[in-house]
Amino acid sequence: MSQDVNVLALAKGQERYLFLFNDESRADALRTLGRYASNPDLSFTWYDAAVLSQKIRTGSRPKAAPVTFSRNGVSSMIDPPVDLYPGD
């Protein structure tokens, strides 16, 4: 079981939305997005829910930039970038 906590944040005008979830609670987080989008008292839209749900589903994490090095005046680049979070 993963101890990692995922964080998604959205600022819209004066409202701030902060979603904290782990791997086991992804489905709950997705349902929460739908409830917020269907609430007419919030500025949270179905578009916001779609964008954030995609991030939840893919678990998008940053990857390292390609590494460029030079040896005897010849440049090379390691591509694709190295995954900073192997095993995910």
Protein backbone atom coordinates (compact mmCIF):
# COMPACT_ATOMS: atom_id res chain seq x y z
CA MET A 1 0.00 0.00 0.00
CA SER A 2 1.37 3.38 -1.01
CA GLN A 3 1.85 6.10 1.60
CA ASP A 4 2.05 8.82 -1.08
CA VAL A 5 -0.49 11.63 -1.03
CA ASN A 6 -1.39 13.22 -4.34
CA VAL A 7 -2.33 16.90 -4.41
CA LEU A 8 -4.36 18.75 -7.03
CA ALA A 9 -5.15 22.44 -6.68
CA LEU A 10 -7.33 24.81 -8.66
CA ALA A 11 -7.84 28.54 -8.07
CA LYS A 12 -10.87 30.20 -9.64
CA GLY A 13 -11.53 33.79 -8.68
CA GLN A 14 -11.94 33.88 -4.90
CA GLU A 15 -12.50 30.14 -4.66
CA ARG A 16 -9.71 27.62 -4.04
CA TYR A 17 -10.10 23.90 -4.59
CA LEU A 18 -7.59 21.52 -3.04
CA PHE A 19 -7.87 17.75 -3.56
CA LEU A 20 -5.77 15.34 -1.51
CA PHE A 21 -5.96 11.64 -2.33
CA ASN A 22 -3.90 8.48 -2.36
CA ASP A 23 -3.98 5.57 -4.78
CA GLU A 24 -6.73 3.83 -2.84
CA SER A 25 -9.00 6.91 -2.88
CA ARG A 26 -8.74 7.88 -6.57
CA ALA A 27 -12.32 6.78 -7.27
CA ASP A 28 -13.60 8.92 -4.39
CA ALA A 29 -11.65 11.91 -5.69
CA LEU A 30 -13.20 11.45 -9.15
CA ARG A 31 -16.69 11.31 -7.66
CA THR A 32 -15.98 14.47 -5.70
CA LEU A 33 -15.07 16.28 -8.92
CA GLY A 34 -18.47 15.33 -10.34
CA ARG A 35 -20.30 16.50 -7.23
CA TYR A 36 -18.49 19.84 -7.31
CA ALA A 37 -19.17 20.30 -11.04
CA SER A 38 -22.89 19.65 -10.54
CA ASN A 39 -23.14 22.15 -7.67
CA PRO A 40 -24.52 25.45 -9.09
CA ASP A 41 -23.25 27.36 -6.02
CA LEU A 42 -19.63 26.73 -7.02
CA SER A 43 -17.62 28.14 -9.90
CA PHE A 44 -16.22 24.63 -10.47
CA THR A 45 -17.30 23.53 -13.98
CA TRP A 46 -17.54 20.24 -15.85
CA TYR A 47 -14.50 21.38 -17.83
CA ASP A 48 -12.55 21.76 -14.56
CA ALA A 49 -13.71 18.28 -13.55
CA ALA A 50 -12.62 16.83 -16.89
CA VAL A 51 -9.16 18.38 -16.74
CA LEU A 52 -8.55 17.37 -13.13
CA SER A 53 -9.97 13.88 -13.61
CA GLN A 54 -7.51 13.32 -16.44
CA LYS A 55 -4.67 14.26 -14.09
CA ILE A 56 -6.02 11.88 -11.45
CA ARG A 57 -6.37 9.01 -13.92
CA THR A 58 -2.96 9.39 -15.50
CA GLY A 59 -1.21 10.19 -12.27
CA SER A 60 0.85 12.67 -14.26
CA ARG A 61 4.16 13.27 -12.56
CA PRO A 62 7.03 15.36 -13.86
CA LYS A 63 9.81 13.62 -15.73
CA ALA A 64 13.42 14.68 -15.69
CA ALA A 65 14.61 16.85 -18.53
CA PRO A 66 16.72 15.18 -21.20
CA VAL A 67 20.36 15.00 -20.17
CA THR A 68 22.89 16.48 -22.57
CA PHE A 69 26.57 15.73 -22.23
CA SER A 70 29.66 16.37 -24.29
CA ARG A 71 32.61 14.08 -24.88
CA ASN A 72 35.47 15.19 -27.10
CA GLY A 73 33.34 17.99 -28.51
CA VAL A 74 30.48 15.67 -29.54
CA SER A 75 27.19 16.32 -27.80
CA SER A 76 24.76 13.55 -27.04
CA MET A 77 21.37 13.54 -25.42
CA ILE A 78 19.80 10.79 -23.38
CA ASP A 79 16.26 10.49 -24.65
CA PRO A 80 13.65 9.71 -23.51
CA PRO A 81 14.07 11.51 -20.22
CA VAL A 82 14.77 9.41 -17.16
CA ASP A 83 11.68 8.70 -15.06
CA LEU A 84 12.10 10.25 -11.63
CA TYR A 85 9.46 7.91 -10.21
CA PRO A 86 10.29 4.41 -11.43
CA GLY A 87 7.74 1.73 -10.73
CA ASP A 88 4.70 4.02 -10.91
